[in-house]
Protein backbone atom coordinates (compact mmCIF):
# COMPACT_ATOMS: atom_id res chain seq x y z
CA MET A 1 -34.60 -18.84 -73.90
CA ASP A 2 -32.79 -21.61 -72.05
CA GLN A 3 -29.04 -21.13 -72.47
CA ARG A 4 -28.40 -24.82 -73.01
CA LEU A 5 -31.00 -24.93 -75.78
CA LEU A 6 -29.47 -21.85 -77.38
CA ASN A 7 -26.00 -23.40 -77.23
CA TRP A 8 -27.17 -26.56 -78.94
CA GLY A 9 -29.03 -24.57 -81.57
CA ILE A 10 -25.90 -22.60 -82.40
CA PHE A 11 -23.90 -25.80 -82.45
CA LEU A 12 -26.27 -27.45 -84.93
CA LEU A 13 -26.11 -24.36 -87.16
CA LEU A 14 -22.31 -24.48 -87.12
CA SER A 15 -22.27 -28.19 -87.88
CA LEU A 16 -24.65 -27.95 -90.83
CA THR A 17 -22.95 -24.89 -92.29
CA TRP A 18 -19.37 -26.06 -91.93
CA GLY A 19 -20.29 -29.60 -92.92
CA SER A 20 -21.70 -28.33 -96.21
CA SER A 21 -18.65 -26.11 -96.79
CA PHE A 22 -16.73 -29.03 -98.29
CA ILE A 23 -19.47 -29.56 -100.86
CA LEU A 24 -19.52 -25.83 -101.66
CA MET A 25 -15.76 -25.91 -102.17
CA LYS A 26 -16.13 -28.77 -104.63
CA LEU A 27 -18.78 -26.84 -106.54
CA GLY A 28 -16.53 -23.81 -106.70
CA LEU A 29 -13.62 -25.89 -107.95
CA GLU A 30 -15.68 -27.12 -110.91
CA SER A 31 -14.98 -23.81 -112.68
CA PHE A 32 -12.33 -21.96 -110.66
CA ASN A 33 -8.86 -22.87 -109.48
CA PRO A 34 -8.29 -23.29 -105.72
CA TYR A 35 -6.77 -19.83 -105.29
CA GLN A 36 -9.81 -18.22 -106.91
CA VAL A 37 -12.29 -20.17 -104.76
CA ALA A 38 -10.40 -19.35 -101.56
CA SER A 39 -10.04 -15.68 -102.53
CA LEU A 40 -13.75 -15.42 -103.35
CA ARG A 41 -14.55 -17.02 -100.01
CA LEU A 42 -12.47 -14.50 -98.06
CA ILE A 43 -13.66 -11.47 -100.06
CA ALA A 44 -17.31 -12.47 -99.70
CA GLY A 45 -16.89 -12.98 -95.97
CA GLY A 46 -15.14 -9.64 -95.57
CA LEU A 47 -17.79 -7.76 -97.54
CA ALA A 48 -20.61 -9.44 -95.62
CA LEU A 49 -19.20 -8.15 -92.33
CA LEU A 50 -18.10 -4.75 -93.63
CA PRO A 51 -20.83 -2.84 -91.71
CA PHE A 52 -19.57 -4.39 -88.47
CA PHE A 53 -15.95 -3.61 -89.38
CA LEU A 54 -16.63 0.12 -89.56
CA LYS A 55 -17.71 0.11 -85.93
CA ALA A 56 -15.20 -2.47 -84.73
CA ILE A 57 -12.12 -0.68 -86.05
CA ARG A 58 -13.01 2.34 -83.91
CA GLU A 59 -13.63 0.41 -80.71
CA VAL A 60 -10.86 -2.20 -80.68
CA PRO A 61 -7.53 -0.99 -79.20
CA LYS A 62 -5.04 -0.27 -81.98
CA ASN A 63 -2.34 -2.38 -80.33
CA LYS A 64 -4.60 -5.44 -80.77
CA ILE A 65 -5.03 -5.03 -84.54
CA PRO A 66 -1.79 -6.87 -85.52
CA LEU A 67 -2.75 -9.81 -83.31
CA ILE A 68 -6.25 -9.87 -84.81
CA ILE A 69 -4.70 -9.96 -88.29
CA VAL A 70 -2.55 -12.92 -87.23
CA SER A 71 -5.71 -14.56 -85.90
CA GLY A 72 -7.36 -13.93 -89.26
CA LEU A 73 -4.50 -15.52 -91.13
CA LEU A 74 -4.56 -18.62 -88.93
CA GLY A 75 -8.33 -18.90 -88.61
CA ASN A 76 -9.40 -17.94 -92.13
CA GLY A 77 -6.73 -16.86 -94.60
CA ILE A 78 -4.24 -19.72 -94.70
CA PRO A 79 -6.76 -22.55 -94.13
CA ALA A 80 -9.03 -21.28 -96.93
CA TYR A 81 -6.29 -21.83 -99.50
CA LEU A 82 -5.04 -25.08 -97.95
CA PHE A 83 -8.51 -26.65 -98.02
CA CYS A 84 -9.13 -25.69 -101.64
CA ILE A 85 -5.72 -27.00 -102.73
CA ALA A 86 -6.39 -30.27 -100.91
CA GLU A 87 -9.82 -30.74 -102.48
CA THR A 88 -8.37 -30.63 -105.98
CA ARG A 89 -6.99 -34.11 -105.29
CA ILE A 90 -8.86 -35.68 -102.37
CA ASP A 91 -12.51 -36.41 -101.75
CA SER A 92 -14.57 -33.98 -99.67
CA SER A 93 -15.45 -36.79 -97.24
CA LEU A 94 -11.78 -37.29 -96.40
CA ALA A 95 -11.32 -33.53 -96.01
CA GLY A 96 -14.29 -33.46 -93.64
CA MET A 97 -12.86 -36.27 -91.57
CA LEU A 98 -9.45 -34.66 -91.28
CA ASN A 99 -11.03 -31.34 -90.37
CA SER A 100 -12.37 -32.91 -87.17
CA PHE A 101 -8.72 -33.06 -86.06
CA THR A 102 -8.94 -29.36 -85.07
CA PRO A 103 -9.62 -29.96 -81.34
CA VAL A 104 -6.56 -32.19 -81.16
CA PHE A 105 -4.35 -29.29 -82.22
CA ALA A 106 -6.22 -26.89 -79.93
CA LEU A 107 -5.37 -29.10 -76.96
CA PHE A 108 -1.84 -29.67 -78.23
CA PHE A 109 -0.97 -25.98 -78.60
CA GLY A 110 -2.64 -25.15 -75.32
CA LEU A 111 -0.46 -27.73 -73.60
CA VAL A 112 2.83 -27.04 -75.38
CA ILE A 113 2.76 -23.25 -75.78
CA PHE A 114 0.61 -22.05 -72.90
CA ARG A 115 1.10 -24.92 -70.44
CA ALA A 116 -2.65 -25.26 -70.03
CA PRO A 117 -3.71 -28.08 -67.69
CA VAL A 118 -4.78 -31.18 -69.60
CA ALA A 119 -6.59 -34.15 -68.10
CA LYS A 120 -5.61 -37.74 -68.81
CA ARG A 121 -8.79 -38.20 -70.82
CA GLN A 122 -7.77 -35.31 -73.06
CA LEU A 123 -4.30 -36.79 -73.60
CA MET A 124 -5.94 -40.06 -74.55
CA GLY A 125 -8.12 -38.18 -77.02
CA LEU A 126 -5.00 -36.62 -78.55
CA ALA A 127 -3.39 -40.04 -78.96
CA ILE A 128 -6.52 -41.54 -80.54
CA GLY A 129 -6.78 -38.65 -82.99
CA PHE A 130 -3.16 -38.98 -84.09
CA ILE A 131 -3.55 -42.72 -84.62
CA GLY A 132 -6.65 -42.07 -86.71
CA VAL A 133 -4.83 -39.66 -89.00
CA ILE A 134 -1.97 -42.13 -89.44
CA CYS A 135 -4.47 -44.82 -90.42
CA LEU A 136 -6.04 -42.54 -93.01
CA PHE A 137 -2.72 -41.75 -94.61
CA LEU A 138 -1.73 -45.42 -94.66
CA ALA A 139 -4.98 -46.39 -96.36
CA LYS A 140 -4.58 -44.31 -99.58
CA GLY A 141 -8.09 -45.38 -100.52
CA ILE A 142 -11.51 -43.99 -101.49
CA ASP A 143 -11.14 -41.51 -104.33
CA THR A 144 -7.70 -40.30 -103.26
CA ASN A 145 -5.60 -42.54 -105.52
CA GLU A 146 -1.93 -41.60 -105.56
CA TYR A 147 -2.71 -38.09 -104.29
CA TRP A 148 -3.64 -39.20 -100.76
CA TYR A 149 -0.84 -37.04 -99.37
CA TYR A 150 -2.85 -33.93 -100.26
CA GLY A 151 -4.60 -34.66 -96.98
CA PHE A 152 -1.59 -33.11 -95.28
CA PHE A 153 -2.84 -29.72 -96.50
CA VAL A 154 -6.00 -30.27 -94.47
CA VAL A 155 -4.00 -31.36 -91.42
CA LEU A 156 -1.91 -28.20 -91.71
CA ALA A 157 -5.12 -26.15 -91.96
CA THR A 158 -6.48 -27.74 -88.78
CA ALA A 159 -3.20 -26.95 -87.06
CA CYS A 160 -3.77 -23.30 -87.98
CA TYR A 161 -7.30 -23.53 -86.60
CA GLY A 162 -6.08 -25.05 -83.35
CA LEU A 163 -3.37 -22.43 -82.88
CA ASN A 164 -5.84 -19.65 -83.62
CA ILE A 165 -8.31 -20.95 -81.02
CA THR A 166 -5.54 -20.97 -78.45
CA ILE A 167 -4.39 -17.45 -79.33
CA VAL A 168 -7.91 -16.04 -79.17
CA HIS A 169 -8.53 -17.71 -75.81
CA HIS A 170 -5.34 -16.39 -74.22
CA TYR A 171 -4.82 -12.98 -75.85
CA LEU A 172 -8.13 -11.76 -77.29
CA LYS A 173 -10.60 -12.96 -74.71
CA GLY A 174 -12.92 -10.21 -73.55
CA HIS A 175 -13.19 -8.45 -76.89
CA ALA A 176 -16.48 -8.56 -78.78
CA SER A 177 -16.49 -11.61 -81.02
CA MET A 178 -18.11 -9.80 -83.93
CA HIS A 179 -15.37 -7.17 -83.74
CA LEU A 180 -12.66 -9.81 -83.98
CA VAL A 181 -14.31 -11.59 -86.91
CA ALA A 182 -15.14 -8.39 -88.83
CA ILE A 183 -11.65 -6.92 -88.50
CA SER A 184 -9.82 -10.13 -89.33
CA LEU A 185 -11.99 -10.88 -92.37
CA PHE A 186 -11.65 -7.35 -93.68
CA PHE A 187 -7.87 -7.67 -93.82
CA MET A 188 -8.12 -11.20 -95.24
CA ALA A 189 -10.31 -9.81 -98.02
CA VAL A 190 -7.73 -7.10 -98.71
CA PHE A 191 -5.00 -9.73 -98.94
CA ALA A 192 -7.13 -12.00 -101.15
CA LEU A 193 -8.21 -9.37 -103.68
CA PRO A 194 -4.83 -9.12 -105.53
CA ILE A 195 -4.67 -12.93 -105.69
CA LEU A 196 -8.10 -13.06 -107.33
CA LEU A 197 -7.32 -10.26 -109.78
CA SER A 198 -3.95 -11.72 -110.78
CA GLY A 199 -5.51 -14.71 -112.55
CA ASP A 200 -8.04 -15.27 -115.33
CA PHE A 201 -11.10 -14.91 -113.12
CA PHE A 202 -12.96 -12.34 -115.23
CA THR A 203 -12.14 -14.04 -118.54
CA LEU A 204 -14.05 -17.11 -117.35
CA PHE A 205 -17.27 -15.12 -117.65
CA GLN A 206 -16.68 -14.22 -121.30
CA GLY A 207 -17.47 -17.66 -122.69
CA GLU A 208 -20.84 -19.29 -123.28
CA ASP A 209 -20.75 -21.43 -120.13
CA LYS A 210 -20.47 -18.82 -117.43
CA PRO A 211 -19.55 -20.25 -114.01
CA TRP A 212 -22.48 -18.82 -112.06
CA MET A 213 -22.97 -22.01 -110.03
CA SER A 214 -19.36 -22.04 -108.89
CA LEU A 215 -19.50 -18.31 -108.16
CA GLY A 216 -22.64 -18.69 -106.08
CA ALA A 217 -21.21 -21.61 -104.14
CA SER A 218 -17.99 -19.73 -103.38
CA VAL A 219 -19.83 -16.59 -102.27
CA LEU A 220 -22.23 -18.57 -100.08
CA LEU A 221 -19.24 -20.36 -98.59
CA GLY A 222 -17.70 -17.02 -97.70
CA VAL A 223 -20.81 -15.29 -96.37
CA MET A 224 -22.07 -18.15 -94.21
CA GLY A 225 -19.20 -20.56 -93.64
CA THR A 226 -16.50 -17.94 -93.15
CA GLY A 227 -18.39 -14.79 -92.21
CA TYR A 228 -21.43 -15.04 -90.02
CA CYS A 229 -20.83 -18.54 -88.62
CA PHE A 230 -17.50 -17.51 -87.10
CA TYR A 231 -19.37 -15.11 -84.81
CA PRO A 232 -21.26 -17.73 -82.77
CA PHE A 233 -18.16 -19.93 -82.86
CA LEU A 234 -16.05 -17.30 -81.12
CA SER A 235 -18.80 -15.85 -78.95
CA ALA A 236 -19.59 -18.87 -76.83
CA ASP A 237 -16.83 -20.83 -75.14
CA GLN A 238 -19.35 -23.46 -74.12
CA VAL A 239 -20.44 -23.91 -77.72
CA CYS A 240 -16.81 -24.40 -78.68
CA ARG A 241 -16.48 -27.17 -76.09
CA ASN A 242 -19.63 -28.85 -77.34
CA TYR A 243 -18.39 -28.40 -80.89
CA PHE A 244 -15.09 -30.05 -80.06
CA CYS A 245 -16.74 -32.90 -78.24
CA ILE A 246 -19.05 -34.19 -81.01
CA HIS A 247 -17.75 -32.23 -83.99
CA GLY A 248 -16.43 -35.40 -85.60
CA HIS A 249 -19.77 -37.18 -85.28
CA LEU A 250 -21.86 -34.61 -87.15
CA ARG A 251 -19.11 -33.98 -89.67
CA PHE A 252 -18.95 -37.67 -90.34
CA THR A 253 -22.68 -38.14 -90.84
CA HIS A 254 -22.88 -35.06 -93.05
CA CYS A 255 -20.30 -36.33 -95.51
CA GLY A 256 -22.74 -38.97 -96.72
CA HIS A 257 -20.16 -41.49 -97.95
CA TRP A 258 -20.33 -44.04 -95.15
CA LEU A 259 -21.75 -46.85 -97.29
CA GLY A 260 -19.18 -46.25 -100.00
CA ILE A 261 -16.38 -46.26 -97.45
CA ILE A 262 -17.52 -49.58 -96.01
CA SER A 263 -17.94 -51.21 -99.42
CA ARG A 264 -14.79 -49.93 -101.11
CA GLY A 265 -12.44 -48.75 -98.37
CA SER A 266 -9.56 -50.57 -96.77
CA HIS A 267 -9.54 -51.59 -93.12
CA GLN A 268 -7.02 -48.82 -92.40
CA TYR A 269 -9.33 -46.22 -93.91
CA VAL A 270 -12.35 -47.35 -91.91
CA ALA A 271 -10.28 -47.52 -88.73
CA GLY A 272 -8.88 -44.05 -89.37
CA ILE A 273 -12.22 -42.33 -89.80
CA VAL A 274 -13.72 -44.10 -86.77
CA LEU A 275 -10.79 -43.07 -84.57
CA ILE A 276 -10.87 -39.46 -85.76
CA ARG A 277 -14.63 -39.38 -85.35
CA ASP A 278 -14.48 -40.68 -81.78
CA HIS A 279 -11.32 -39.01 -80.48
CA GLY A 280 -13.44 -36.13 -79.18
CA TRP A 281 -14.60 -38.16 -76.19
CA GLY A 282 -11.50 -36.92 -74.41
CA VAL A 283 -12.52 -33.28 -74.73
CA PRO A 284 -14.69 -31.83 -71.98
CA CYS A 285 -18.33 -31.75 -73.00
CA GLU A 286 -20.86 -30.00 -70.84
CA PRO A 287 -23.94 -28.96 -72.81
């Protein structure tokens, strides 16, 4: 199969899966609190990749395990809870828009921490992305009401994503991607299990209206959005570059609230989402 066609196929799979993750989070939050949804997501992802973990833990050098756990915290653990907390107060469309800020932080951390060379176009993309986020926070519109500042949880999550991408590229490059994902998600599941058990999760199933829909959405979110889709994301650097380049465009179209934004949103809100959507032009894109 042509490599370029394969790359684009993987990219479309990532876009559809991660685009729908915001909807799945909302469905999970209909019955569970954000900590339960995030914990279910991590546990489901860890269990889905458990067969790969058993092999990976034997093949990966032991001195890399702590760094892989840190990568898991930044790439899965912390963001899972931050996104769910944010979506208790903000609309999923705004969360999807802010999530496209990830490549901005990837470039930022690469420049600041690792002194990676950055072209002028990439610096311009960084500036456009930051201006877009500022516009969104100034708008306070579209279903966010007085809780617009919950968007900062999403921004913090994307900062974790960006830092994780940089760490993986500089310190874990060369290791099998499935090994990295399986090991990191296993430990994230171990960390998440006590959080899930400490609440009223099981008592929710004792009433007449059992939250099967929310449970299914949270598990699907973990298996696909957190588990298996992180493998192609980490396994192809070229896919990552394509993902960064037009990530905002597919995320934006997937949210499905464009008409509502135009009809009810402020000028700052519209400007913010357009800038965040288009800031990726500064990131190298070579399909």
